[in-house]
PDB file of N, CA and C in Angstrom:
ATOM      1  N   MET A   1      99.943 -10.063  13.680  1.00  0.00           N
ATOM      2  CA  MET A   1     100.324 -11.465  13.205  1.00  0.00           C
ATOM      3  C   MET A   1     100.807 -12.080  14.727  1.00  0.00           C
ATOM      4  N   SER A   2     100.519 -13.491  14.582  1.00  0.00           N
ATOM      5  CA  SER A   2     101.098 -14.194  15.729  1.00  0.00           C
ATOM      6  C   SER A   2     101.559 -15.225  15.183  1.00  0.00           C
ATOM      7  N   THR A   3     102.418 -15.933  16.142  1.00  0.00           N
ATOM      8  CA  THR A   3     103.193 -17.382  15.563  1.00  0.00           C
ATOM      9  C   THR A   3     102.253 -18.440  15.969  1.00  0.00           C
ATOM     10  N   LEU A   4     102.154 -19.663  15.242  1.00  0.00           N
ATOM     11  CA  LEU A   4     101.803 -21.040  15.592  1.00  0.00           C
ATOM     12  C   LEU A   4     102.808 -21.601  15.491  1.00  0.00           C
ATOM     13  N   LYS A   5     103.009 -22.446  16.858  1.00  0.00           N
ATOM     14  CA  LYS A   5     104.197 -23.516  17.089  1.00  0.00           C
ATOM     15  C   LYS A   5     103.540 -25.082  16.740  1.00  0.00           C
ATOM     16  N   LEU A   6     104.410 -25.442  15.954  1.00  0.00           N
ATOM     17  CA  LEU A   6     104.164 -26.908  15.490  1.00  0.00           C
ATOM     18  C   LEU A   6     104.595 -28.211  16.944  1.00  0.00           C
ATOM     19  N   THR A   7     103.897 -28.676  17.004  1.00  0.00           N
ATOM     20  CA  THR A   7     103.911 -29.471  18.325  1.00  0.00           C
ATOM     21  C   THR A   7     103.803 -30.910  17.998  1.00  0.00           C
ATOM     22  N   GLN A   8     104.501 -32.179  18.797  1.00  0.00           N
ATOM     23  CA  GLN A   8     104.372 -33.450  18.612  1.00  0.00           C
ATOM     24  C   GLN A   8     103.006 -33.763  19.185  1.00  0.00           C
ATOM     25  N   ILE A   9     102.172 -34.307  18.361  1.00  0.00           N
ATOM     26  CA  ILE A   9     101.058 -34.952  18.762  1.00  0.00           C
ATOM     27  C   ILE A   9     100.783 -36.476  18.403  1.00  0.00           C
ATOM     28  N   GLY A  10     101.297 -37.112  19.192  1.00  0.00           N
ATOM     29  CA  GLY A  10     101.295 -38.999  19.222  1.00  0.00           C
ATOM     30  C   GLY A  10     102.273 -39.138  18.020  1.00  0.00           C
ATOM     31  N   ASN A  11     102.220 -39.496  16.926  1.00  0.00           N
ATOM     32  CA  ASN A  11     103.208 -39.780  15.872  1.00  0.00           C
ATOM     33  C   ASN A  11     103.201 -38.693  15.022  1.00  0.00           C
ATOM     34  N   SER A  12     102.467 -37.922  15.186  1.00  0.00           N
ATOM     35  CA  SER A  12     102.402 -37.035  14.044  1.00  0.00           C
ATOM     36  C   SER A  12     102.827 -35.367  14.645  1.00  0.00           C
ATOM     37  N   VAL A  13     102.719 -34.585  13.468  1.00  0.00           N
ATOM     38  CA  VAL A  13     103.230 -33.173  14.114  1.00  0.00           C
ATOM     39  C   VAL A  13     101.831 -32.353  13.896  1.00  0.00           C
ATOM     40  N   GLY A  14     101.374 -31.684  14.854  1.00  0.00           N
ATOM     41  CA  GLY A  14     100.211 -30.804  14.650  1.00  0.00           C
ATOM     42  C   GLY A  14     100.443 -29.120  15.000  1.00  0.00           C
ATOM     43  N   VAL A  15      99.325 -28.586  14.774  1.00  0.00           N
ATOM     44  CA  VAL A  15      99.294 -26.992  15.434  1.00  0.00           C
ATOM     45  C   VAL A  15      98.029 -26.867  16.033  1.00  0.00           C
ATOM     46  N   ILE A  16      98.383 -26.247  17.332  1.00  0.00           N
ATOM     47  CA  ILE A  16      97.236 -25.848  18.163  1.00  0.00           C
ATOM     48  C   ILE A  16      96.943 -24.282  17.745  1.00  0.00           C
ATOM     49  N   PHE A  17      95.568 -24.312  17.407  1.00  0.00           N
ATOM     50  CA  PHE A  17      95.271 -22.851  17.064  1.00  0.00           C
ATOM     51  C   PHE A  17      94.306 -22.273  18.455  1.00  0.00           C
ATOM     52  N   PRO A  18      94.706 -20.946  18.645  1.00  0.00           N
ATOM     53  CA  PRO A  18      94.096 -20.049  19.449  1.00  0.00           C
ATOM     54  C   PRO A  18      92.381 -19.820  19.309  1.00  0.00           C
ATOM     55  N   LYS A  19      91.684 -19.968  20.236  1.00  0.00           N
ATOM     56  CA  LYS A  19      90.405 -19.777  20.182  1.00  0.00           C
ATOM     57  C   LYS A  19      90.110 -18.553  19.409  1.00  0.00           C
ATOM     58  N   GLU A  20      90.811 -17.709  19.500  1.00  0.00           N
ATOM     59  CA  GLU A  20      90.595 -16.521  18.541  1.00  0.00           C
ATOM     60  C   GLU A  20      90.617 -16.887  16.998  1.00  0.00           C
ATOM     61  N   LEU A  21      91.462 -17.696  16.865  1.00  0.00           N
ATOM     62  CA  LEU A  21      91.711 -17.896  15.367  1.00  0.00           C
ATOM     63  C   LEU A  21      90.400 -19.058  14.600  1.00  0.00           C
ATOM     64  N   LEU A  22      90.349 -19.892  15.808  1.00  0.00           N
ATOM     65  CA  LEU A  22      89.036 -20.838  15.685  1.00  0.00           C
ATOM     66  C   LEU A  22      87.706 -20.117  15.529  1.00  0.00           C
ATOM     67  N   ALA A  23      87.394 -19.166  16.070  1.00  0.00           N
ATOM     68  CA  ALA A  23      86.211 -18.252  15.790  1.00  0.00           C
ATOM     69  C   ALA A  23      86.229 -17.564  14.802  1.00  0.00           C
ATOM     70  N   ARG A  24      87.412 -17.034  14.483  1.00  0.00           N
ATOM     71  CA  ARG A  24      87.743 -16.163  13.141  1.00  0.00           C
ATOM     72  C   ARG A  24      87.107 -16.985  11.925  1.00  0.00           C
ATOM     73  N   LEU A  25      87.865 -18.553  12.035  1.00  0.00           N
ATOM     74  CA  LEU A  25      87.646 -19.279  10.649  1.00  0.00           C
ATOM     75  C   LEU A  25      86.188 -19.904  10.923  1.00  0.00           C
ATOM     76  N   LYS A  26      85.499 -19.751  11.851  1.00  0.00           N
ATOM     77  CA  LYS A  26      84.207 -20.394  12.271  1.00  0.00           C
ATOM     78  C   LYS A  26      84.320 -21.859  12.001  1.00  0.00           C
ATOM     79  N   VAL A  27      85.130 -22.598  12.512  1.00  0.00           N
ATOM     80  CA  VAL A  27      85.532 -24.112  12.955  1.00  0.00           C
ATOM     81  C   VAL A  27      85.634 -24.449  14.359  1.00  0.00           C
ATOM     82  N   GLU A  28      85.335 -25.543  14.640  1.00  0.00           N
ATOM     83  CA  GLU A  28      85.889 -26.000  15.746  1.00  0.00           C
ATOM     84  C   GLU A  28      86.172 -27.680  15.851  1.00  0.00           C
ATOM     85  N   LYS A  29      86.297 -28.165  16.966  1.00  0.00           N
ATOM     86  CA  LYS A  29      87.039 -29.464  16.835  1.00  0.00           C
ATOM     87  C   LYS A  29      86.001 -30.499  15.912  1.00  0.00           C
ATOM     88  N   GLY A  30      86.970 -31.293  15.015  1.00  0.00           N
ATOM     89  CA  GLY A  30      86.119 -32.130  14.394  1.00  0.00           C
ATOM     90  C   GLY A  30      85.979 -31.383  12.745  1.00  0.00           C
ATOM     91  N   ASP A  31      85.952 -30.326  12.557  1.00  0.00           N
ATOM     92  CA  ASP A  31      85.833 -29.700  11.482  1.00  0.00           C
ATOM     93  C   ASP A  31      86.931 -29.760  10.435  1.00  0.00           C
ATOM     94  N   SER A  32      86.828 -29.627   9.128  1.00  0.00           N
ATOM     95  CA  SER A  32      87.959 -29.982   8.463  1.00  0.00           C
ATOM     96  C   SER A  32      88.379 -28.711   8.015  1.00  0.00           C
ATOM     97  N   LEU A  33      89.660 -28.471   7.429  1.00  0.00           N
ATOM     98  CA  LEU A  33      90.059 -27.151   6.981  1.00  0.00           C
ATOM     99  C   LEU A  33      90.696 -27.775   5.418  1.00  0.00           C
ATOM    100  N   PHE A  34      90.681 -26.804   4.492  1.00  0.00           N
ATOM    101  CA  PHE A  34      91.523 -26.918   3.447  1.00  0.00           C
ATOM    102  C   PHE A  34      92.366 -25.884   3.053  1.00  0.00           C
ATOM    103  N   TRP A  35      93.428 -26.209   2.327  1.00  0.00           N
ATOM    104  CA  TRP A  35      94.313 -25.253   2.078  1.00  0.00           C
ATOM    105  C   TRP A  35      94.809 -25.422   0.405  1.00  0.00           C
ATOM    106  N   THR A  36      95.145 -24.276   0.218  1.00  0.00           N
ATOM    107  CA  THR A  36      95.415 -24.034  -1.450  1.00  0.00           C
ATOM    108  C   THR A  36      96.594 -23.285  -1.538  1.00  0.00           C
ATOM    109  N   GLU A  37      97.370 -23.322  -2.335  1.00  0.00           N
ATOM    110  CA  GLU A  37      98.596 -22.779  -2.784  1.00  0.00           C
ATOM    111  C   GLU A  37      98.508 -21.304  -3.161  1.00  0.00           C
ATOM    112  N   ALA A  38      98.918 -20.261  -2.767  1.00  0.00           N
ATOM    113  CA  ALA A  38      98.706 -18.813  -2.987  1.00  0.00           C
ATOM    114  C   ALA A  38      99.927 -18.361  -3.252  1.00  0.00           C
ATOM    115  N   ALA A  39      99.961 -16.804  -3.974  1.00  0.00           N
ATOM    116  CA  ALA A  39     101.170 -16.341  -4.515  1.00  0.00           C
ATOM    117  C   ALA A  39     102.451 -16.224  -3.342  1.00  0.00           C
ATOM    118  N   ASN A  40     101.862 -15.743  -2.055  1.00  0.00           N
ATOM    119  CA  ASN A  40     102.465 -15.748  -0.879  1.00  0.00           C
ATOM    120  C   ASN A  40     102.755 -16.920   0.227  1.00  0.00           C
ATOM    121  N   GLY A  41     102.513 -18.101  -0.215  1.00  0.00           N
ATOM    122  CA  GLY A  41     102.181 -19.276   0.516  1.00  0.00           C
ATOM    123  C   GLY A  41     101.188 -20.006   0.346  1.00  0.00           C
ATOM    124  N   VAL A  42     100.600 -20.475   1.476  1.00  0.00           N
ATOM    125  CA  VAL A  42      99.041 -20.960   1.353  1.00  0.00           C
ATOM    126  C   VAL A  42      97.991 -20.379   1.965  1.00  0.00           C
ATOM    127  N   THR A  43      96.797 -20.518   1.670  1.00  0.00           N
ATOM    128  CA  THR A  43      95.452 -20.083   2.190  1.00  0.00           C
ATOM    129  C   THR A  43      94.533 -21.287   3.004  1.00  0.00           C
ATOM    130  N   LEU A  44      94.528 -20.803   4.378  1.00  0.00           N
ATOM    131  CA  LEU A  44      93.941 -22.038   4.798  1.00  0.00           C
ATOM    132  C   LEU A  44      92.098 -21.532   5.358  1.00  0.00           C
ATOM    133  N   THR A  45      91.530 -22.489   4.751  1.00  0.00           N
ATOM    134  CA  THR A  45      89.823 -22.230   4.719  1.00  0.00           C
ATOM    135  C   THR A  45      88.829 -23.223   5.201  1.00  0.00           C
ATOM    136  N   PRO A  46      87.914 -22.879   5.752  1.00  0.00           N
ATOM    137  CA  PRO A  46      86.976 -23.998   6.177  1.00  0.00           C
ATOM    138  C   PRO A  46      86.070 -24.521   4.989  1.00  0.00           C
ATOM    139  N   TYR A  47      86.226 -23.892   3.684  1.00  0.00           N
ATOM    140  CA  TYR A  47      85.574 -23.804   2.527  1.00  0.00           C
ATOM    141  C   TYR A  47      86.245 -24.950   1.500  1.00  0.00           C
ATOM    142  N   ASP A  48      85.681 -26.086   0.885  1.00  0.00           N
ATOM    143  CA  ASP A  48      86.410 -26.711   0.289  1.00  0.00           C
ATOM    144  C   ASP A  48      86.366 -26.239  -1.422  1.00  0.00           C
ATOM    145  N   PRO A  49      87.492 -25.541  -1.685  1.00  0.00           N
ATOM    146  CA  PRO A  49      87.363 -24.910  -3.188  1.00  0.00           C
ATOM    147  C   PRO A  49      87.247 -25.862  -4.169  1.00  0.00           C
ATOM    148  N   GLU A  50      87.055 -27.132  -4.254  1.00  0.00           N
ATOM    149  CA  GLU A  50      86.533 -28.301  -5.408  1.00  0.00           C
ATOM    150  C   GLU A  50      85.186 -28.103  -4.911  1.00  0.00           C
ATOM    151  N   LEU A  51      84.345 -28.207  -4.017  1.00  0.00           N
ATOM    152  CA  LEU A  51      82.899 -28.030  -4.088  1.00  0.00           C
ATOM    153  C   LEU A  51      82.344 -26.877  -4.448  1.00  0.00           C
ATOM    154  N   ALA A  52      83.253 -25.447  -4.162  1.00  0.00           N
ATOM    155  CA  ALA A  52      82.767 -24.260  -4.759  1.00  0.00           C
ATOM    156  C   ALA A  52      82.918 -24.431  -6.330  1.00  0.00           C
ATOM    157  N   ALA A  53      83.843 -25.055  -6.853  1.00  0.00           N
ATOM    158  CA  ALA A  53      84.138 -25.066  -8.405  1.00  0.00           C
ATOM    159  C   ALA A  53      82.961 -26.105  -9.086  1.00  0.00           C
ATOM    160  N   GLN A  54      82.252 -27.141  -8.341  1.00  0.00           N
ATOM    161  CA  GLN A  54      81.174 -27.982  -8.781  1.00  0.00           C
ATOM    162  C   GLN A  54      79.969 -27.191  -8.656  1.00  0.00           C
ATOM    163  N   LEU A  55      79.722 -26.290  -7.513  1.00  0.00           N
ATOM    164  CA  LEU A  55      78.630 -25.631  -7.365  1.00  0.00           C
ATOM    165  C   LEU A  55      78.570 -24.484  -8.694  1.00  0.00           C
ATOM    166  N   GLU A  56      79.659 -24.010  -8.983  1.00  0.00           N
ATOM    167  CA  GLU A  56      79.464 -22.850  -9.977  1.00  0.00           C
ATOM    168  C   GLU A  56      79.306 -23.543 -11.064  1.00  0.00           C
ATOM    169  N   GLU A  57      79.717 -24.718 -11.531  1.00  0.00           N
ATOM    170  CA  GLU A  57      79.392 -25.562 -12.756  1.00  0.00           C
ATOM    171  C   GLU A  57      78.039 -25.743 -12.850  1.00  0.00           C
ATOM    172  N   GLY A  58      77.303 -26.294 -11.501  1.00  0.00           N
ATOM    173  CA  GLY A  58      76.087 -26.559 -11.776  1.00  0.00           C
ATOM    174  C   GLY A  58      75.019 -25.372 -11.971  1.00  0.00           C
ATOM    175  N   ARG A  59      75.496 -24.331 -11.195  1.00  0.00           N
ATOM    176  CA  ARG A  59      75.114 -22.898 -11.453  1.00  0.00           C
ATOM    177  C   ARG A  59      74.841 -22.404 -13.067  1.00  0.00           C
ATOM    178  N   GLU A  60      76.004 -22.625 -13.521  1.00  0.00           N
ATOM    179  CA  GLU A  60      76.112 -22.509 -15.036  1.00  0.00           C
ATOM    180  C   GLU A  60      75.232 -23.342 -15.850  1.00  0.00           C
ATOM    181  N   PHE A  61      75.189 -24.588 -15.717  1.00  0.00           N
ATOM    182  CA  PHE A  61      74.269 -25.518 -16.436  1.00  0.00           C
ATOM    183  C   PHE A  61      72.767 -25.220 -15.955  1.00  0.00           C
ATOM    184  N   MET A  62      72.686 -24.780 -14.864  1.00  0.00           N
ATOM    185  CA  MET A  62      70.963 -24.389 -14.698  1.00  0.00           C
ATOM    186  C   MET A  62      70.845 -22.935 -15.130  1.00  0.00           C
ATOM    187  N   ARG A  63      71.423 -22.160 -15.460  1.00  0.00           N
ATOM    188  CA  ARG A  63      71.448 -20.749 -16.101  1.00  0.00           C
ATOM    189  C   ARG A  63      71.342 -21.274 -17.651  1.00  0.00           C
ATOM    190  N   GLU A  64      72.060 -22.254 -18.143  1.00  0.00           N
ATOM    191  CA  GLU A  64      71.872 -22.421 -19.368  1.00  0.00           C
ATOM    192  C   GLU A  64      70.747 -23.203 -20.054  1.00  0.00           C
ATOM    193  N   TYR A  65      70.102 -23.856 -18.997  1.00  0.00           N
ATOM    194  CA  TYR A  65      68.971 -24.735 -19.423  1.00  0.00           C
ATOM    195  C   TYR A  65      67.839 -24.558 -18.675  1.00  0.00           C
ATOM    196  N   ARG A  66      67.750 -22.898 -18.017  1.00  0.00           N
ATOM    197  CA  ARG A  66      66.842 -22.613 -17.443  1.00  0.00           C
ATOM    198  C   ARG A  66      65.420 -22.778 -17.857  1.00  0.00           C
ATOM    199  N   ASP A  67      65.257 -22.596 -19.230  1.00  0.00           N
ATOM    200  CA  ASP A  67      63.725 -22.855 -19.933  1.00  0.00           C
ATOM    201  C   ASP A  67      63.386 -24.270 -19.689  1.00  0.00           C
ATOM    202  N   THR A  68      64.460 -25.083 -19.899  1.00  0.00           N
ATOM    203  CA  THR A  68      64.194 -26.365 -19.953  1.00  0.00           C
ATOM    204  C   THR A  68      63.771 -27.156 -18.760  1.00  0.00           C
ATOM    205  N   PHE A  69      64.399 -26.690 -17.377  1.00  0.00           N
ATOM    206  CA  PHE A  69      64.051 -26.642 -16.353  1.00  0.00           C
ATOM    207  C   PHE A  69      62.801 -26.298 -15.758  1.00  0.00           C
ATOM    208  N   HIS A  70      62.478 -24.892 -16.405  1.00  0.00           N
ATOM    209  CA  HIS A  70      61.160 -24.390 -15.816  1.00  0.00           C
ATOM    210  C   HIS A  70      59.934 -25.049 -16.502  1.00  0.00           C
ATOM    211  N   GLN A  71      60.300 -26.105 -17.670  1.00  0.00           N
ATOM    212  CA  GLN A  71      59.297 -26.472 -18.542  1.00  0.00           C
ATOM    213  C   GLN A  71      59.212 -28.045 -17.399  1.00  0.00           C
ATOM    214  N   LEU A  72      60.164 -28.466 -17.159  1.00  0.00           N
ATOM    215  CA  LEU A  72      60.195 -29.849 -16.236  1.00  0.00           C
ATOM    216  C   LEU A  72      59.321 -29.168 -14.894  1.00  0.00           C
ATOM    217  N   ALA A  73      59.307 -28.472 -14.415  1.00  0.00           N
ATOM    218  CA  ALA A  73      58.754 -27.969 -13.080  1.00  0.00           C
ATOM    219  C   ALA A  73      57.352 -27.920 -12.971  1.00  0.00           C
ATOM    220  N   LYS A  74      56.857 -27.768 -14.286  1.00  0.00           N
ATOM    221  CA  LYS A  74      55.541 -27.690 -14.537  1.00  0.00           C
ATOM    222  C   LYS A  74      54.648 -28.882 -14.224  1.00  0.00           C
TER     223      LYS A  74
END
């Protein structure tokens, strides 16, 4: 575990991530990170949890109407 220091960036406060952490998260300058509440603090991820939930709902819908989609594809 290593420490990240908060630093002044213009009128805001930011964190400078080491290259190793950026590589592990598979993000680079300009990418977005998302945070969610967790039992022991927060979770930081490059994957949008809301988008993941919407995709799962879409998959469930397609499973439920699989036969209909199959007929429409003909």
